[in-house]
PDB file of N, CA and C in Angstrom:
ATOM      1  N   MET A   1     -10.571 -27.097 -14.375  1.00  0.00           N
ATOM      2  CA  MET A   1      -9.300 -26.771 -13.774  1.00  0.00           C
ATOM      3  C   MET A   1      -9.148 -27.586 -12.492  1.00  0.00           C
ATOM      4  N   THR A   2      -7.935 -28.045 -12.217  1.00  0.00           N
ATOM      5  CA  THR A   2      -7.639 -28.750 -10.974  1.00  0.00           C
ATOM      6  C   THR A   2      -6.591 -27.967 -10.205  1.00  0.00           C
ATOM      7  N   VAL A   3      -6.911 -27.629  -8.969  1.00  0.00           N
ATOM      8  CA  VAL A   3      -6.001 -26.879  -8.111  1.00  0.00           C
ATOM      9  C   VAL A   3      -5.919 -27.605  -6.778  1.00  0.00           C
ATOM     10  N   GLY A   4      -4.720 -28.022  -6.392  1.00  0.00           N
ATOM     11  CA  GLY A   4      -4.536 -28.686  -5.111  1.00  0.00           C
ATOM     12  C   GLY A   4      -5.438 -29.892  -4.915  1.00  0.00           C
ATOM     13  N   GLY A   5      -5.690 -30.637  -5.987  1.00  0.00           N
ATOM     14  CA  GLY A   5      -6.530 -31.810  -5.907  1.00  0.00           C
ATOM     15  C   GLY A   5      -8.021 -31.519  -6.019  1.00  0.00           C
ATOM     16  N   VAL A   6      -8.380 -30.251  -6.125  1.00  0.00           N
ATOM     17  CA  VAL A   6      -9.793 -29.871  -6.253  1.00  0.00           C
ATOM     18  C   VAL A   6     -10.084 -29.640  -7.728  1.00  0.00           C
ATOM     19  N   THR A   7     -11.101 -30.287  -8.231  1.00  0.00           N
ATOM     20  CA  THR A   7     -11.486 -30.151  -9.626  1.00  0.00           C
ATOM     21  C   THR A   7     -12.681 -29.213  -9.735  1.00  0.00           C
ATOM     22  N   ASN A   8     -12.750 -28.514 -10.846  1.00  0.00           N
ATOM     23  CA  ASN A   8     -13.859 -27.595 -11.129  1.00  0.00           C
ATOM     24  C   ASN A   8     -13.946 -26.438 -10.137  1.00  0.00           C
ATOM     25  N   LEU A   9     -12.807 -25.915  -9.795  1.00  0.00           N
ATOM     26  CA  LEU A   9     -12.754 -24.753  -8.929  1.00  0.00           C
ATOM     27  C   LEU A   9     -13.153 -23.520  -9.730  1.00  0.00           C
ATOM     28  N   ARG A  10     -14.081 -22.740  -9.211  1.00  0.00           N
ATOM     29  CA  ARG A  10     -14.507 -21.506  -9.886  1.00  0.00           C
ATOM     30  C   ARG A  10     -14.278 -20.324  -8.963  1.00  0.00           C
ATOM     31  N   LEU A  11     -13.642 -19.334  -9.492  1.00  0.00           N
ATOM     32  CA  LEU A  11     -13.427 -18.121  -8.716  1.00  0.00           C
ATOM     33  C   LEU A  11     -14.670 -17.244  -8.787  1.00  0.00           C
ATOM     34  N   ASP A  12     -15.054 -16.724  -7.666  1.00  0.00           N
ATOM     35  CA  ASP A  12     -16.199 -15.820  -7.590  1.00  0.00           C
ATOM     36  C   ASP A  12     -15.662 -14.393  -7.735  1.00  0.00           C
ATOM     37  N   HIS A  13     -15.521 -13.942  -8.970  1.00  0.00           N
ATOM     38  CA  HIS A  13     -14.925 -12.633  -9.233  1.00  0.00           C
ATOM     39  C   HIS A  13     -15.734 -11.501  -8.603  1.00  0.00           C
ATOM     40  N   ASP A  14     -17.035 -11.584  -8.656  1.00  0.00           N
ATOM     41  CA  ASP A  14     -17.874 -10.552  -8.041  1.00  0.00           C
ATOM     42  C   ASP A  14     -17.680 -10.529  -6.530  1.00  0.00           C
ATOM     43  N   GLY A  15     -17.598 -11.702  -5.928  1.00  0.00           N
ATOM     44  CA  GLY A  15     -17.378 -11.785  -4.489  1.00  0.00           C
ATOM     45  C   GLY A  15     -16.010 -11.260  -4.098  1.00  0.00           C
ATOM     46  N   MET A  16     -14.989 -11.581  -4.900  1.00  0.00           N
ATOM     47  CA  MET A  16     -13.640 -11.083  -4.638  1.00  0.00           C
ATOM     48  C   MET A  16     -13.617  -9.561  -4.736  1.00  0.00           C
ATOM     49  N   GLU A  17     -14.316  -9.003  -5.717  1.00  0.00           N
ATOM     50  CA  GLU A  17     -14.378  -7.555  -5.865  1.00  0.00           C
ATOM     51  C   GLU A  17     -15.029  -6.917  -4.640  1.00  0.00           C
ATOM     52  N   GLN A  18     -16.091  -7.515  -4.151  1.00  0.00           N
ATOM     53  CA  GLN A  18     -16.771  -6.979  -2.969  1.00  0.00           C
ATOM     54  C   GLN A  18     -15.842  -6.965  -1.762  1.00  0.00           C
ATOM     55  N   VAL A  19     -15.085  -8.031  -1.594  1.00  0.00           N
ATOM     56  CA  VAL A  19     -14.145  -8.096  -0.471  1.00  0.00           C
ATOM     57  C   VAL A  19     -13.059  -7.037  -0.623  1.00  0.00           C
ATOM     58  N   LEU A  20     -12.469  -6.938  -1.816  1.00  0.00           N
ATOM     59  CA  LEU A  20     -11.367  -5.991  -2.034  1.00  0.00           C
ATOM     60  C   LEU A  20     -11.803  -4.537  -1.933  1.00  0.00           C
ATOM     61  N   LYS A  21     -13.093  -4.262  -2.124  1.00  0.00           N
ATOM     62  CA  LYS A  21     -13.620  -2.897  -2.010  1.00  0.00           C
ATOM     63  C   LYS A  21     -14.328  -2.663  -0.676  1.00  0.00           C
ATOM     64  N   SER A  22     -14.334  -3.651   0.205  1.00  0.00           N
ATOM     65  CA  SER A  22     -15.077  -3.553   1.460  1.00  0.00           C
ATOM     66  C   SER A  22     -14.464  -2.523   2.408  1.00  0.00           C
ATOM     67  N   ASP A  23     -15.305  -2.037   3.320  1.00  0.00           N
ATOM     68  CA  ASP A  23     -14.839  -1.079   4.321  1.00  0.00           C
ATOM     69  C   ASP A  23     -13.740  -1.676   5.195  1.00  0.00           C
ATOM     70  N   LYS A  24     -13.863  -2.954   5.515  1.00  0.00           N
ATOM     71  CA  LYS A  24     -12.864  -3.606   6.367  1.00  0.00           C
ATOM     72  C   LYS A  24     -11.488  -3.616   5.699  1.00  0.00           C
ATOM     73  N   VAL A  25     -11.441  -3.984   4.435  1.00  0.00           N
ATOM     74  CA  VAL A  25     -10.167  -3.999   3.708  1.00  0.00           C
ATOM     75  C   VAL A  25      -9.645  -2.575   3.534  1.00  0.00           C
ATOM     76  N   ALA A  26     -10.525  -1.639   3.200  1.00  0.00           N
ATOM     77  CA  ALA A  26     -10.110  -0.239   3.028  1.00  0.00           C
ATOM     78  C   ALA A  26      -9.543   0.325   4.327  1.00  0.00           C
ATOM     79  N   THR A  27     -10.166  -0.012   5.444  1.00  0.00           N
ATOM     80  CA  THR A  27      -9.681   0.462   6.742  1.00  0.00           C
ATOM     81  C   THR A  27      -8.304  -0.115   7.044  1.00  0.00           C
ATOM     82  N   GLU A  28      -8.110  -1.389   6.772  1.00  0.00           N
ATOM     83  CA  GLU A  28      -6.819  -2.036   7.016  1.00  0.00           C
ATOM     84  C   GLU A  28      -5.725  -1.418   6.138  1.00  0.00           C
ATOM     85  N   ILE A  29      -6.016  -1.258   4.864  1.00  0.00           N
ATOM     86  CA  ILE A  29      -5.040  -0.668   3.941  1.00  0.00           C
ATOM     87  C   ILE A  29      -4.744   0.776   4.335  1.00  0.00           C
ATOM     88  N   GLY A  30      -5.782   1.515   4.670  1.00  0.00           N
ATOM     89  CA  GLY A  30      -5.594   2.906   5.091  1.00  0.00           C
ATOM     90  C   GLY A  30      -4.752   3.014   6.346  1.00  0.00           C
ATOM     91  N   GLY A  31      -4.956   2.102   7.283  1.00  0.00           N
ATOM     92  CA  GLY A  31      -4.161   2.111   8.514  1.00  0.00           C
ATOM     93  C   GLY A  31      -2.696   1.838   8.254  1.00  0.00           C
ATOM     94  N   ILE A  32      -2.426   0.897   7.385  1.00  0.00           N
ATOM     95  CA  ILE A  32      -1.038   0.594   7.028  1.00  0.00           C
ATOM     96  C   ILE A  32      -0.405   1.797   6.330  1.00  0.00           C
ATOM     97  N   ALA A  33      -1.146   2.418   5.419  1.00  0.00           N
ATOM     98  CA  ALA A  33      -0.626   3.598   4.716  1.00  0.00           C
ATOM     99  C   ALA A  33      -0.353   4.735   5.699  1.00  0.00           C
ATOM    100  N   GLU A  34      -1.235   4.924   6.679  1.00  0.00           N
ATOM    101  CA  GLU A  34      -1.017   5.972   7.693  1.00  0.00           C
ATOM    102  C   GLU A  34       0.242   5.683   8.501  1.00  0.00           C
ATOM    103  N   SER A  35       0.471   4.417   8.855  1.00  0.00           N
ATOM    104  CA  SER A  35       1.685   4.047   9.591  1.00  0.00           C
ATOM    105  C   SER A  35       2.935   4.318   8.764  1.00  0.00           C
ATOM    106  N   ILE A  36       2.869   3.996   7.479  1.00  0.00           N
ATOM    107  CA  ILE A  36       3.994   4.283   6.585  1.00  0.00           C
ATOM    108  C   ILE A  36       4.212   5.794   6.517  1.00  0.00           C
ATOM    109  N   GLY A  37       3.137   6.544   6.362  1.00  0.00           N
ATOM    110  CA  GLY A  37       3.239   8.002   6.316  1.00  0.00           C
ATOM    111  C   GLY A  37       3.852   8.570   7.585  1.00  0.00           C
ATOM    112  N   ASP A  38       3.448   8.043   8.742  1.00  0.00           N
ATOM    113  CA  ASP A  38       4.012   8.512  10.015  1.00  0.00           C
ATOM    114  C   ASP A  38       5.510   8.227  10.094  1.00  0.00           C
ATOM    115  N   SER A  39       5.906   7.055   9.647  1.00  0.00           N
ATOM    116  CA  SER A  39       7.315   6.681   9.670  1.00  0.00           C
ATOM    117  C   SER A  39       8.136   7.585   8.746  1.00  0.00           C
ATOM    118  N   VAL A  40       7.607   7.832   7.549  1.00  0.00           N
ATOM    119  CA  VAL A  40       8.312   8.712   6.605  1.00  0.00           C
ATOM    120  C   VAL A  40       8.400  10.127   7.177  1.00  0.00           C
ATOM    121  N   THR A  41       7.310  10.613   7.760  1.00  0.00           N
ATOM    122  CA  THR A  41       7.302  11.953   8.356  1.00  0.00           C
ATOM    123  C   THR A  41       8.376  12.072   9.433  1.00  0.00           C
ATOM    124  N   ALA A  42       8.546  11.033  10.224  1.00  0.00           N
ATOM    125  CA  ALA A  42       9.569  11.054  11.275  1.00  0.00           C
ATOM    126  C   ALA A  42      10.971  11.164  10.696  1.00  0.00           C
ATOM    127  N   ASN A  43      11.168  10.677   9.466  1.00  0.00           N
ATOM    128  CA  ASN A  43      12.491  10.705   8.841  1.00  0.00           C
ATOM    129  C   ASN A  43      12.739  11.928   7.980  1.00  0.00           C
ATOM    130  N   VAL A  44      11.687  12.583   7.522  1.00  0.00           N
ATOM    131  CA  VAL A  44      11.830  13.780   6.682  1.00  0.00           C
ATOM    132  C   VAL A  44      10.967  14.898   7.270  1.00  0.00           C
ATOM    133  N   LYS A  45      11.313  15.287   8.471  1.00  0.00           N
ATOM    134  CA  LYS A  45      10.505  16.240   9.237  1.00  0.00           C
ATOM    135  C   LYS A  45      10.226  17.556   8.516  1.00  0.00           C
ATOM    136  N   GLU A  46      11.135  17.965   7.654  1.00  0.00           N
ATOM    137  CA  GLU A  46      10.983  19.267   6.996  1.00  0.00           C
ATOM    138  C   GLU A  46      10.080  19.225   5.763  1.00  0.00           C
ATOM    139  N   ALA A  47       9.510  18.069   5.433  1.00  0.00           N
ATOM    140  CA  ALA A  47       8.672  17.944   4.236  1.00  0.00           C
ATOM    141  C   ALA A  47       7.276  17.455   4.598  1.00  0.00           C
ATOM    142  N   GLU A  48       6.310  17.828   3.784  1.00  0.00           N
ATOM    143  CA  GLU A  48       4.946  17.347   3.958  1.00  0.00           C
ATOM    144  C   GLU A  48       4.835  15.944   3.353  1.00  0.00           C
ATOM    145  N   VAL A  49       4.249  15.041   4.118  1.00  0.00           N
ATOM    146  CA  VAL A  49       3.993  13.678   3.647  1.00  0.00           C
ATOM    147  C   VAL A  49       2.477  13.502   3.623  1.00  0.00           C
ATOM    148  N   VAL A  50       1.953  13.072   2.470  1.00  0.00           N
ATOM    149  CA  VAL A  50       0.508  12.967   2.287  1.00  0.00           C
ATOM    150  C   VAL A  50       0.118  11.512   2.044  1.00  0.00           C
ATOM    151  N   VAL A  51      -0.930  11.069   2.740  1.00  0.00           N
ATOM    152  CA  VAL A  51      -1.496   9.738   2.523  1.00  0.00           C
ATOM    153  C   VAL A  51      -2.833   9.935   1.831  1.00  0.00           C
ATOM    154  N   ASP A  52      -2.981   9.361   0.650  1.00  0.00           N
ATOM    155  CA  ASP A  52      -4.236   9.417  -0.112  1.00  0.00           C
ATOM    156  C   ASP A  52      -4.854   8.028  -0.137  1.00  0.00           C
ATOM    157  N   LYS A  53      -6.116   7.953   0.264  1.00  0.00           N
ATOM    158  CA  LYS A  53      -6.853   6.685   0.205  1.00  0.00           C
ATOM    159  C   LYS A  53      -7.856   6.788  -0.929  1.00  0.00           C
ATOM    160  N   TYR A  54      -7.954   5.733  -1.731  1.00  0.00           N
ATOM    161  CA  TYR A  54      -8.842   5.758  -2.885  1.00  0.00           C
ATOM    162  C   TYR A  54      -9.267   4.347  -3.249  1.00  0.00           C
ATOM    163  N   THR A  55     -10.173   4.243  -4.198  1.00  0.00           N
ATOM    164  CA  THR A  55     -10.649   2.937  -4.655  1.00  0.00           C
ATOM    165  C   THR A  55     -10.574   2.888  -6.174  1.00  0.00           C
ATOM    166  N   THR A  56     -10.000   1.816  -6.681  1.00  0.00           N
ATOM    167  CA  THR A  56     -10.012   1.536  -8.120  1.00  0.00           C
ATOM    168  C   THR A  56     -10.848   0.264  -8.252  1.00  0.00           C
ATOM    169  N   ASP A  57     -10.231  -0.808  -8.693  1.00  0.00           N
ATOM    170  CA  ASP A  57     -10.916  -2.095  -8.668  1.00  0.00           C
ATOM    171  C   ASP A  57     -10.768  -2.742  -7.296  1.00  0.00           C
ATOM    172  N   ARG A  58     -10.134  -2.029  -6.376  1.00  0.00           N
ATOM    173  CA  ARG A  58      -9.928  -2.465  -4.995  1.00  0.00           C
ATOM    174  C   ARG A  58      -9.596  -1.252  -4.142  1.00  0.00           C
ATOM    175  N   ALA A  59      -9.656  -1.411  -2.829  1.00  0.00           N
ATOM    176  CA  ALA A  59      -9.241  -0.339  -1.931  1.00  0.00           C
ATOM    177  C   ALA A  59      -7.734  -0.151  -2.071  1.00  0.00           C
ATOM    178  N   ALA A  60      -7.284   1.089  -2.038  1.00  0.00           N
ATOM    179  CA  ALA A  60      -5.861   1.365  -2.227  1.00  0.00           C
ATOM    180  C   ALA A  60      -5.480   2.624  -1.461  1.00  0.00           C
ATOM    181  N   ALA A  61      -4.182   2.847  -1.350  1.00  0.00           N
ATOM    182  CA  ALA A  61      -3.670   4.057  -0.718  1.00  0.00           C
ATOM    183  C   ALA A  61      -2.275   4.334  -1.264  1.00  0.00           C
ATOM    184  N   SER A  62      -1.896   5.600  -1.201  1.00  0.00           N
ATOM    185  CA  SER A  62      -0.545   5.976  -1.608  1.00  0.00           C
ATOM    186  C   SER A  62       0.047   6.908  -0.562  1.00  0.00           C
ATOM    187  N   VAL A  63       1.375   6.898  -0.487  1.00  0.00           N
ATOM    188  CA  VAL A  63       2.109   7.787   0.414  1.00  0.00           C
ATOM    189  C   VAL A  63       3.051   8.602  -0.457  1.00  0.00           C
ATOM    190  N   THR A  64       2.950   9.927  -0.351  1.00  0.00           N
ATOM    191  CA  THR A  64       3.731  10.816  -1.206  1.00  0.00           C
ATOM    192  C   THR A  64       4.485  11.833  -0.365  1.00  0.00           C
ATOM    193  N   ILE A  65       5.763  12.017  -0.675  1.00  0.00           N
ATOM    194  CA  ILE A  65       6.543  13.095  -0.083  1.00  0.00           C
ATOM    195  C   ILE A  65       6.358  14.300  -0.990  1.00  0.00           C
ATOM    196  N   LYS A  66       5.689  15.338  -0.500  1.00  0.00           N
ATOM    197  CA  LYS A  66       5.368  16.512  -1.310  1.00  0.00           C
ATOM    198  C   LYS A  66       6.511  17.534  -1.234  1.00  0.00           C
ATOM    199  N   ASP A  67       7.660  17.124  -1.695  1.00  0.00           N
ATOM    200  CA  ASP A  67       8.837  17.984  -1.671  1.00  0.00           C
ATOM    201  C   ASP A  67       9.754  17.512  -2.791  1.00  0.00           C
ATOM    202  N   PHE A  68      10.387  18.448  -3.470  1.00  0.00           N
ATOM    203  CA  PHE A  68      11.257  18.088  -4.585  1.00  0.00           C
ATOM    204  C   PHE A  68      12.424  17.208  -4.142  1.00  0.00           C
ATOM    205  N   ARG A  69      12.740  17.232  -2.855  1.00  0.00           N
ATOM    206  CA  ARG A  69      13.846  16.408  -2.346  1.00  0.00           C
ATOM    207  C   ARG A  69      13.422  14.961  -2.084  1.00  0.00           C
ATOM    208  N   GLY A  70      12.123  14.675  -2.211  1.00  0.00           N
ATOM    209  CA  GLY A  70      11.607  13.342  -1.931  1.00  0.00           C
ATOM    210  C   GLY A  70      12.269  12.255  -2.760  1.00  0.00           C
ATOM    211  N   LEU A  71      12.477  12.538  -4.052  1.00  0.00           N
ATOM    212  CA  LEU A  71      13.143  11.550  -4.913  1.00  0.00           C
ATOM    213  C   LEU A  71      14.561  11.244  -4.420  1.00  0.00           C
ATOM    214  N   ALA A  72      15.270  12.267  -4.002  1.00  0.00           N
ATOM    215  CA  ALA A  72      16.635  12.072  -3.509  1.00  0.00           C
ATOM    216  C   ALA A  72      16.629  11.277  -2.207  1.00  0.00           C
ATOM    217  N   TRP A  73      15.699  11.594  -1.308  1.00  0.00           N
ATOM    218  CA  TRP A  73      15.622  10.856  -0.040  1.00  0.00           C
ATOM    219  C   TRP A  73      15.306   9.387  -0.284  1.00  0.00           C
ATOM    220  N   GLN A  74      14.424   9.136  -1.239  1.00  0.00           N
ATOM    221  CA  GLN A  74      14.094   7.741  -1.556  1.00  0.00           C
ATOM    222  C   GLN A  74      15.283   7.052  -2.213  1.00  0.00           C
ATOM    223  N   ALA A  75      15.927   7.728  -3.168  1.00  0.00           N
ATOM    224  CA  ALA A  75      17.061   7.121  -3.873  1.00  0.00           C
ATOM    225  C   ALA A  75      18.241   6.878  -2.930  1.00  0.00           C
ATOM    226  N   ARG A  76      18.513   7.845  -2.080  1.00  0.00           N
ATOM    227  CA  ARG A  76      19.675   7.757  -1.193  1.00  0.00           C
ATOM    228  C   ARG A  76      19.411   6.884   0.029  1.00  0.00           C
ATOM    229  N   ASP A  77      18.254   7.101   0.677  1.00  0.00           N
ATOM    230  CA  ASP A  77      17.982   6.464   1.967  1.00  0.00           C
ATOM    231  C   ASP A  77      16.870   5.419   1.936  1.00  0.00           C
ATOM    232  N   GLY A  78      16.093   5.391   0.845  1.00  0.00           N
ATOM    233  CA  GLY A  78      14.985   4.444   0.767  1.00  0.00           C
ATOM    234  C   GLY A  78      13.919   4.684   1.819  1.00  0.00           C
ATOM    235  N   VAL A  79      13.610   5.965   2.111  1.00  0.00           N
ATOM    236  CA  VAL A  79      12.687   6.276   3.211  1.00  0.00           C
ATOM    237  C   VAL A  79      11.311   5.634   3.027  1.00  0.00           C
ATOM    238  N   LEU A  80      10.794   5.623   1.819  1.00  0.00           N
ATOM    239  CA  LEU A  80       9.485   5.000   1.576  1.00  0.00           C
ATOM    240  C   LEU A  80       9.587   3.474   1.623  1.00  0.00           C
ATOM    241  N   THR A  81      10.606   2.932   0.993  1.00  0.00           N
ATOM    242  CA  THR A  81      10.789   1.486   0.950  1.00  0.00           C
ATOM    243  C   THR A  81      10.992   0.917   2.351  1.00  0.00           C
ATOM    244  N   ARG A  82      11.811   1.567   3.154  1.00  0.00           N
ATOM    245  CA  ARG A  82      12.064   1.079   4.512  1.00  0.00           C
ATOM    246  C   ARG A  82      10.815   1.173   5.378  1.00  0.00           C
ATOM    247  N   ALA A  83      10.041   2.245   5.218  1.00  0.00           N
ATOM    248  CA  ALA A  83       8.804   2.392   5.988  1.00  0.00           C
ATOM    249  C   ALA A  83       7.805   1.308   5.601  1.00  0.00           C
ATOM    250  N   ALA A  84       7.722   1.002   4.314  1.00  0.00           N
ATOM    251  CA  ALA A  84       6.823  -0.060   3.851  1.00  0.00           C
ATOM    252  C   ALA A  84       7.294  -1.422   4.363  1.00  0.00           C
ATOM    253  N   ALA A  85       8.594  -1.677   4.316  1.00  0.00           N
ATOM    254  CA  ALA A  85       9.141  -2.949   4.802  1.00  0.00           C
ATOM    255  C   ALA A  85       8.866  -3.119   6.287  1.00  0.00           C
ATOM    256  N   HIS A  86       8.933  -2.031   7.036  1.00  0.00           N
ATOM    257  CA  HIS A  86       8.657  -2.078   8.472  1.00  0.00           C
ATOM    258  C   HIS A  86       7.218  -2.542   8.735  1.00  0.00           C
ATOM    259  N   GLU A  87       6.329  -2.280   7.789  1.00  0.00           N
ATOM    260  CA  GLU A  87       4.930  -2.712   7.901  1.00  0.00           C
ATOM    261  C   GLU A  87       4.699  -4.101   7.303  1.00  0.00           C
ATOM    262  N   GLY A  88       5.782  -4.748   6.868  1.00  0.00           N
ATOM    263  CA  GLY A  88       5.672  -6.098   6.332  1.00  0.00           C
ATOM    264  C   GLY A  88       5.394  -6.154   4.846  1.00  0.00           C
ATOM    265  N   LEU A  89       5.515  -5.018   4.150  1.00  0.00           N
ATOM    266  CA  LEU A  89       5.266  -4.982   2.716  1.00  0.00           C
ATOM    267  C   LEU A  89       6.592  -5.183   1.968  1.00  0.00           C
ATOM    268  N   GLU A  90       6.492  -5.738   0.776  1.00  0.00           N
ATOM    269  CA  GLU A  90       7.652  -5.921  -0.081  1.00  0.00           C
ATOM    270  C   GLU A  90       7.493  -4.988  -1.270  1.00  0.00           C
ATOM    271  N   VAL A  91       8.490  -4.131  -1.495  1.00  0.00           N
ATOM    272  CA  VAL A  91       8.456  -3.189  -2.600  1.00  0.00           C
ATOM    273  C   VAL A  91       9.373  -3.711  -3.685  1.00  0.00           C
ATOM    274  N   THR A  92       8.841  -3.849  -4.900  1.00  0.00           N
ATOM    275  CA  THR A  92       9.617  -4.317  -6.039  1.00  0.00           C
ATOM    276  C   THR A  92       9.384  -3.395  -7.216  1.00  0.00           C
ATOM    277  N   GLU A  93      10.264  -3.471  -8.200  1.00  0.00           N
ATOM    278  CA  GLU A  93      10.080  -2.708  -9.430  1.00  0.00           C
ATOM    279  C   GLU A  93       9.042  -3.389 -10.295  1.00  0.00           C
ATOM    280  N   ARG A  94       8.387  -2.594 -11.127  1.00  0.00           N
ATOM    281  CA  ARG A  94       7.432  -3.175 -12.068  1.00  0.00           C
ATOM    282  C   ARG A  94       8.160  -3.729 -13.245  1.00  0.00           C
TER     283      ARG A  94
END
């Protein structure tokens, strides 16, 4: 394979996995998720907002509005999307 003029480039999949599961990456992702959660909480004060940190094939986190009105707030106001954008993240549909 040739990439950017470099021939025989090999990806170190095991090394990439170690980095993506590292404490440093998990801490960074968790911090961003906490900031998103704080922003959402400020906008939906009457609802519980939960940040879950977990690991799959990489460090990950989710932000959930634990209220039946959460879907409406997201659909109408984009509370989760705007909070993520404020942190420099881009939210797209799958």
